Amino acid sequence: MTAVRLLSTAGALDENTYALVLVGDRLSRMVDYRDPDSKALFNFGDAAAAVLLGGGPSRFRVVHSAMRTDGSWADYYAGELTDGRVLIRRAEHRKGLGEAYVRHFTALVDETVAALGITPGTSPTS
Protein backbone atom coordinates (compact mmCIF):
# COMPACT_ATOMS: atom_id res chain seq x y z
CA MET A 1 0.00 0.00 0.00
CA THR A 2 2.90 2.39 0.60
CA ALA A 3 3.95 2.26 -3.06
CA VAL A 4 0.38 2.74 -4.23
CA ARG A 5 -0.10 5.76 -1.95
CA LEU A 6 3.19 7.34 -3.00
CA LEU A 7 2.46 6.85 -6.69
CA SER A 8 -1.12 8.14 -6.36
CA THR A 9 0.16 11.53 -5.18
CA ALA A 10 -0.55 14.26 -7.73
CA GLY A 11 2.41 14.65 -10.06
CA ALA A 12 4.10 11.40 -9.06
CA LEU A 13 3.49 9.98 -12.54
CA ASP A 14 3.46 12.05 -15.72
CA GLU A 15 0.70 11.56 -18.28
CA ASN A 16 1.17 8.37 -20.30
CA THR A 17 3.61 7.07 -17.67
CA TYR A 18 2.87 3.87 -15.82
CA ALA A 19 4.17 2.07 -12.76
CA LEU A 20 3.66 -1.62 -12.13
CA VAL A 21 3.67 -2.44 -8.41
CA LEU A 22 4.24 -6.12 -7.60
CA VAL A 23 4.28 -7.83 -4.21
CA GLY A 24 4.61 -11.46 -3.25
CA ASP A 25 5.64 -13.85 -0.54
CA ARG A 26 6.59 -17.48 -0.18
CA LEU A 27 5.54 -18.21 3.39
CA SER A 28 4.79 -21.85 2.52
CA ARG A 29 8.56 -22.43 2.50
CA MET A 30 8.51 -21.74 6.23
CA VAL A 31 6.16 -24.64 7.05
CA ASP A 32 7.77 -27.95 7.97
CA TYR A 33 5.39 -30.38 6.30
CA ARG A 34 7.03 -33.31 8.13
CA ASP A 35 5.83 -31.89 11.45
CA PRO A 36 2.14 -32.81 12.03
CA ASP A 37 1.62 -29.75 14.25
CA SER A 38 2.94 -27.42 11.54
CA LYS A 39 0.70 -28.77 8.78
CA ALA A 40 -2.27 -26.92 10.29
CA LEU A 41 -0.68 -23.49 9.75
CA PHE A 42 -3.46 -22.50 7.37
CA ASN A 43 -2.46 -18.86 7.31
CA PHE A 44 1.03 -19.48 5.92
CA GLY A 45 0.61 -19.64 2.16
CA ASP A 46 2.04 -18.08 -0.95
CA ALA A 47 0.49 -14.94 -2.35
CA ALA A 48 1.01 -12.33 -5.01
CA ALA A 49 -0.65 -9.12 -6.09
CA ALA A 50 -0.11 -6.52 -8.78
CA VAL A 51 -1.51 -3.12 -9.64
CA LEU A 52 -0.81 -1.00 -12.71
CA LEU A 53 -0.91 2.71 -11.99
CA GLY A 54 -1.22 5.32 -14.74
CA GLY A 55 -0.40 9.00 -14.72
CA GLY A 56 -2.52 11.81 -16.08
CA PRO A 57 -6.28 11.41 -16.55
CA SER A 58 -6.13 7.76 -15.51
CA ARG A 59 -5.28 8.76 -11.92
CA PHE A 60 -7.06 6.93 -9.18
CA ARG A 61 -7.56 7.33 -5.50
CA VAL A 62 -7.21 4.86 -2.68
CA VAL A 63 -10.75 4.54 -1.33
CA HIS A 64 -9.95 2.43 1.70
CA SER A 65 -7.37 0.09 3.17
CA ALA A 66 -7.34 -1.75 6.46
CA MET A 67 -5.39 -4.44 8.26
CA ARG A 68 -5.77 -6.32 11.51
CA THR A 69 -3.50 -8.28 13.76
CA ASP A 70 -4.17 -9.86 17.11
CA GLY A 71 -1.11 -9.59 19.32
CA SER A 72 -2.51 -12.08 21.81
CA TRP A 73 -1.42 -14.85 19.39
CA ALA A 74 2.17 -13.57 19.00
CA ASP A 75 3.59 -16.40 21.11
CA TYR A 76 1.64 -19.11 19.27
CA TYR A 77 4.11 -19.35 16.38
CA ALA A 78 7.88 -19.15 16.43
CA GLY A 79 10.59 -19.30 13.79
CA GLU A 80 13.37 -21.87 14.11
CA LEU A 81 16.53 -21.92 11.96
CA THR A 82 16.90 -25.47 10.59
CA ASP A 83 19.22 -26.54 7.75
CA GLY A 84 19.75 -22.96 6.62
CA ARG A 85 16.07 -22.01 6.46
CA VAL A 86 13.54 -20.67 8.91
CA LEU A 87 10.75 -23.08 9.82
CA ILE A 88 7.61 -22.04 11.65
CA ARG A 89 6.70 -24.04 14.73
CA ARG A 90 3.38 -23.85 16.53
CA ALA A 91 3.15 -23.82 20.30
CA GLU A 92 0.87 -26.19 22.18
CA HIS A 93 -2.66 -26.03 20.78
CA ARG A 94 -5.05 -23.64 22.43
CA LYS A 95 -8.61 -22.81 21.49
CA GLY A 96 -9.73 -19.59 19.90
CA LEU A 97 -7.57 -19.02 16.81
CA GLY A 98 -10.36 -19.86 14.37
CA GLU A 99 -12.79 -17.62 16.19
CA ALA A 100 -10.24 -14.77 16.27
CA TYR A 101 -9.68 -15.14 12.52
CA VAL A 102 -13.41 -14.97 11.77
CA ARG A 103 -13.93 -12.04 14.15
CA HIS A 104 -11.14 -9.96 12.58
CA PHE A 105 -12.05 -10.91 9.00
CA THR A 106 -15.68 -9.95 9.62
CA ALA A 107 -14.60 -6.63 11.15
CA LEU A 108 -12.44 -5.87 8.09
CA VAL A 109 -15.31 -6.62 5.72
CA ASP A 110 -17.72 -4.48 7.78
CA GLU A 111 -15.22 -1.60 7.92
CA THR A 112 -14.57 -1.76 4.17
CA VAL A 113 -18.28 -1.92 3.29
CA ALA A 114 -18.95 1.07 5.55
CA ALA A 115 -16.06 3.03 3.99
CA LEU A 116 -17.63 2.42 0.57
CA GLY A 117 -20.98 3.70 1.84
CA ILE A 118 -22.73 0.40 1.31
CA THR A 119 -25.42 -0.71 3.74
CA PRO A 120 -25.41 -4.48 4.28
CA GLY A 121 -28.32 -6.13 2.50
CA THR A 122 -28.61 -3.43 -0.18
CA SER A 123 -27.24 -3.14 -3.68
CA PRO A 124 -24.30 -0.69 -4.12
CA THR A 125 -26.32 1.01 -6.87
CA SER A 126 -29.46 1.57 -4.77
C-alpha atoms as a PDB file:
ATOM      1  CA  MET A   1       0.000   0.000   0.000  1.00  0.00           C
ATOM      2  CA  THR A   2       2.898   2.386   0.597  1.00  0.00           C
ATOM      3  CA  ALA A   3       3.953   2.256  -3.061  1.00  0.00           C
ATOM      4  CA  VAL A   4       0.376   2.742  -4.234  1.00  0.00           C
ATOM      5  CA  ARG A   5      -0.103   5.759  -1.954  1.00  0.00           C
ATOM      6  CA  LEU A   6       3.191   7.344  -3.005  1.00  0.00           C
ATOM      7  CA  LEU A   7       2.457   6.853  -6.686  1.00  0.00           C
ATOM      8  CA  SER A   8      -1.118   8.140  -6.361  1.00  0.00           C
ATOM      9  CA  THR A   9       0.164  11.527  -5.184  1.00  0.00           C
ATOM     10  CA  ALA A  10      -0.555  14.264  -7.726  1.00  0.00           C
ATOM     11  CA  GLY A  11       2.415  14.647 -10.063  1.00  0.00           C
ATOM     12  CA  ALA A  12       4.099  11.398  -9.057  1.00  0.00           C
ATOM     13  CA  LEU A  13       3.488   9.983 -12.543  1.00  0.00           C
ATOM     14  CA  ASP A  14       3.460  12.046 -15.717  1.00  0.00           C
ATOM     15  CA  GLU A  15       0.699  11.563 -18.275  1.00  0.00           C
ATOM     16  CA  ASN A  16       1.172   8.366 -20.298  1.00  0.00           C
ATOM     17  CA  THR A  17       3.609   7.072 -17.673  1.00  0.00           C
ATOM     18  CA  TYR A  18       2.871   3.873 -15.820  1.00  0.00           C
ATOM     19  CA  ALA A  19       4.167   2.072 -12.759  1.00  0.00           C
ATOM     20  CA  LEU A  20       3.661  -1.621 -12.130  1.00  0.00           C
ATOM     21  CA  VAL A  21       3.671  -2.440  -8.407  1.00  0.00           C
ATOM     22  CA  LEU A  22       4.242  -6.121  -7.599  1.00  0.00           C
ATOM     23  CA  VAL A  23       4.281  -7.831  -4.212  1.00  0.00           C
ATOM     24  CA  GLY A  24       4.613 -11.460  -3.246  1.00  0.00           C
ATOM     25  CA  ASP A  25       5.637 -13.850  -0.540  1.00  0.00           C
ATOM     26  CA  ARG A  26       6.590 -17.483  -0.179  1.00  0.00           C
ATOM     27  CA  LEU A  27       5.535 -18.214   3.390  1.00  0.00           C
ATOM     28  CA  SER A  28       4.793 -21.852   2.518  1.00  0.00           C
ATOM     29  CA  ARG A  29       8.559 -22.434   2.498  1.00  0.00           C
ATOM     30  CA  MET A  30       8.512 -21.736   6.232  1.00  0.00           C
ATOM     31  CA  VAL A  31       6.162 -24.636   7.049  1.00  0.00           C
ATOM     32  CA  ASP A  32       7.772 -27.953   7.974  1.00  0.00           C
ATOM     33  CA  TYR A  33       5.388 -30.378   6.297  1.00  0.00           C
ATOM     34  CA  ARG A  34       7.033 -33.307   8.132  1.00  0.00           C
ATOM     35  CA  ASP A  35       5.825 -31.888  11.449  1.00  0.00           C
ATOM     36  CA  PRO A  36       2.140 -32.813  12.027  1.00  0.00           C
ATOM     37  CA  ASP A  37       1.616 -29.747  14.252  1.00  0.00           C
ATOM     38  CA  SER A  38       2.937 -27.423  11.545  1.00  0.00           C
ATOM     39  CA  LYS A  39       0.704 -28.765   8.780  1.00  0.00           C
ATOM     40  CA  ALA A  40      -2.265 -26.917  10.293  1.00  0.00           C
ATOM     41  CA  LEU A  41      -0.683 -23.490   9.754  1.00  0.00           C
ATOM     42  CA  PHE A  42      -3.456 -22.496   7.371  1.00  0.00           C
ATOM     43  CA  ASN A  43      -2.460 -18.859   7.311  1.00  0.00           C
ATOM     44  CA  PHE A  44       1.031 -19.478   5.922  1.00  0.00           C
ATOM     45  CA  GLY A  45       0.611 -19.639   2.163  1.00  0.00           C
ATOM     46  CA  ASP A  46       2.041 -18.082  -0.946  1.00  0.00           C
ATOM     47  CA  ALA A  47       0.485 -14.942  -2.345  1.00  0.00           C
ATOM     48  CA  ALA A  48       1.014 -12.332  -5.010  1.00  0.00           C
ATOM     49  CA  ALA A  49      -0.646  -9.121  -6.093  1.00  0.00           C
ATOM     50  CA  ALA A  50      -0.111  -6.517  -8.776  1.00  0.00           C
ATOM     51  CA  VAL A  51      -1.514  -3.121  -9.637  1.00  0.00           C
ATOM     52  CA  LEU A  52      -0.808  -0.996 -12.713  1.00  0.00           C
ATOM     53  CA  LEU A  53      -0.910   2.713 -11.991  1.00  0.00           C
ATOM     54  CA  GLY A  54      -1.222   5.316 -14.736  1.00  0.00           C
ATOM     55  CA  GLY A  55      -0.404   8.996 -14.724  1.00  0.00           C
ATOM     56  CA  GLY A  56      -2.519  11.809 -16.084  1.00  0.00           C
ATOM     57  CA  PRO A  57      -6.276  11.414 -16.551  1.00  0.00           C
ATOM     58  CA  SER A  58      -6.128   7.761 -15.509  1.00  0.00           C
ATOM     59  CA  ARG A  59      -5.277   8.756 -11.918  1.00  0.00           C
ATOM     60  CA  PHE A  60      -7.058   6.927  -9.181  1.00  0.00           C
ATOM     61  CA  ARG A  61      -7.563   7.329  -5.498  1.00  0.00           C
ATOM     62  CA  VAL A  62      -7.212   4.859  -2.681  1.00  0.00           C
ATOM     63  CA  VAL A  63     -10.746   4.536  -1.329  1.00  0.00           C
ATOM     64  CA  HIS A  64      -9.948   2.434   1.702  1.00  0.00           C
ATOM     65  CA  SER A  65      -7.370   0.094   3.174  1.00  0.00           C
ATOM     66  CA  ALA A  66      -7.343  -1.754   6.461  1.00  0.00           C
ATOM     67  CA  MET A  67      -5.394  -4.438   8.262  1.00  0.00           C
ATOM     68  CA  ARG A  68      -5.769  -6.317  11.515  1.00  0.00           C
ATOM     69  CA  THR A  69      -3.498  -8.275  13.763  1.00  0.00           C
ATOM     70  CA  ASP A  70      -4.169  -9.863  17.113  1.00  0.00           C
ATOM     71  CA  GLY A  71      -1.108  -9.590  19.319  1.00  0.00           C
ATOM     72  CA  SER A  72      -2.506 -12.078  21.812  1.00  0.00           C
ATOM     73  CA  TRP A  73      -1.416 -14.853  19.395  1.00  0.00           C
ATOM     74  CA  ALA A  74       2.174 -13.573  18.997  1.00  0.00           C
ATOM     75  CA  ASP A  75       3.587 -16.396  21.113  1.00  0.00           C
ATOM     76  CA  TYR A  76       1.643 -19.112  19.272  1.00  0.00           C
ATOM     77  CA  TYR A  77       4.110 -19.352  16.379  1.00  0.00           C
ATOM     78  CA  ALA A  78       7.882 -19.145  16.432  1.00  0.00           C
ATOM     79  CA  GLY A  79      10.587 -19.296  13.794  1.00  0.00           C
ATOM     80  CA  GLU A  80      13.366 -21.867  14.113  1.00  0.00           C
ATOM     81  CA  LEU A  81      16.527 -21.920  11.958  1.00  0.00           C
ATOM     82  CA  THR A  82      16.904 -25.467  10.586  1.00  0.00           C
ATOM     83  CA  ASP A  83      19.224 -26.536   7.751  1.00  0.00           C
ATOM     84  CA  GLY A  84      19.752 -22.963   6.617  1.00  0.00           C
ATOM     85  CA  ARG A  85      16.069 -22.014   6.457  1.00  0.00           C
ATOM     86  CA  VAL A  86      13.544 -20.674   8.908  1.00  0.00           C
ATOM     87  CA  LEU A  87      10.750 -23.078   9.819  1.00  0.00           C
ATOM     88  CA  ILE A  88       7.611 -22.038  11.653  1.00  0.00           C
ATOM     89  CA  ARG A  89       6.697 -24.044  14.729  1.00  0.00           C
ATOM     90  CA  ARG A  90       3.382 -23.848  16.525  1.00  0.00           C
ATOM     91  CA  ALA A  91       3.147 -23.821  20.299  1.00  0.00           C
ATOM     92  CA  GLU A  92       0.871 -26.193  22.179  1.00  0.00           C
ATOM     93  CA  HIS A  93      -2.656 -26.033  20.782  1.00  0.00           C
ATOM     94  CA  ARG A  94      -5.052 -23.638  22.426  1.00  0.00           C
ATOM     95  CA  LYS A  95      -8.607 -22.812  21.491  1.00  0.00           C
ATOM     96  CA  GLY A  96      -9.734 -19.593  19.899  1.00  0.00           C
ATOM     97  CA  LEU A  97      -7.575 -19.018  16.812  1.00  0.00           C
ATOM     98  CA  GLY A  98     -10.361 -19.862  14.369  1.00  0.00           C
ATOM     99  CA  GLU A  99     -12.788 -17.615  16.191  1.00  0.00           C
ATOM    100  CA  ALA A 100     -10.242 -14.769  16.272  1.00  0.00           C
ATOM    101  CA  TYR A 101      -9.683 -15.139  12.518  1.00  0.00           C
ATOM    102  CA  VAL A 102     -13.411 -14.971  11.766  1.00  0.00           C
ATOM    103  CA  ARG A 103     -13.930 -12.037  14.155  1.00  0.00           C
ATOM    104  CA  HIS A 104     -11.141  -9.964  12.580  1.00  0.00           C
ATOM    105  CA  PHE A 105     -12.049 -10.905   8.996  1.00  0.00           C
ATOM    106  CA  THR A 106     -15.683  -9.953   9.617  1.00  0.00           C
ATOM    107  CA  ALA A 107     -14.601  -6.634  11.151  1.00  0.00           C
ATOM    108  CA  LEU A 108     -12.440  -5.869   8.095  1.00  0.00           C
ATOM    109  CA  VAL A 109     -15.311  -6.619   5.723  1.00  0.00           C
ATOM    110  CA  ASP A 110     -17.720  -4.480   7.780  1.00  0.00           C
ATOM    111  CA  GLU A 111     -15.219  -1.603   7.916  1.00  0.00           C
ATOM    112  CA  THR A 112     -14.574  -1.765   4.166  1.00  0.00           C
ATOM    113  CA  VAL A 113     -18.276  -1.925   3.287  1.00  0.00           C
ATOM    114  CA  ALA A 114     -18.955   1.066   5.554  1.00  0.00           C
ATOM    115  CA  ALA A 115     -16.061   3.027   3.986  1.00  0.00           C
ATOM    116  CA  LEU A 116     -17.626   2.421   0.566  1.00  0.00           C
ATOM    117  CA  GLY A 117     -20.976   3.705   1.843  1.00  0.00           C
ATOM    118  CA  ILE A 118     -22.734   0.400   1.314  1.00  0.00           C
ATOM    119  CA  THR A 119     -25.416  -0.706   3.740  1.00  0.00           C
ATOM    120  CA  PRO A 120     -25.405  -4.478   4.275  1.00  0.00           C
ATOM    121  CA  GLY A 121     -28.316  -6.126   2.498  1.00  0.00           C
ATOM    122  CA  THR A 122     -28.613  -3.430  -0.176  1.00  0.00           C
ATOM    123  CA  SER A 123     -27.235  -3.139  -3.679  1.00  0.00           C
ATOM    124  CA  PRO A 124     -24.303  -0.693  -4.122  1.00  0.00           C
ATOM    125  CA  THR A 125     -26.315   1.009  -6.869  1.00  0.00           C
ATOM    126  CA  SER A 126     -29.456   1.568  -4.768  1.00  0.00           C
END
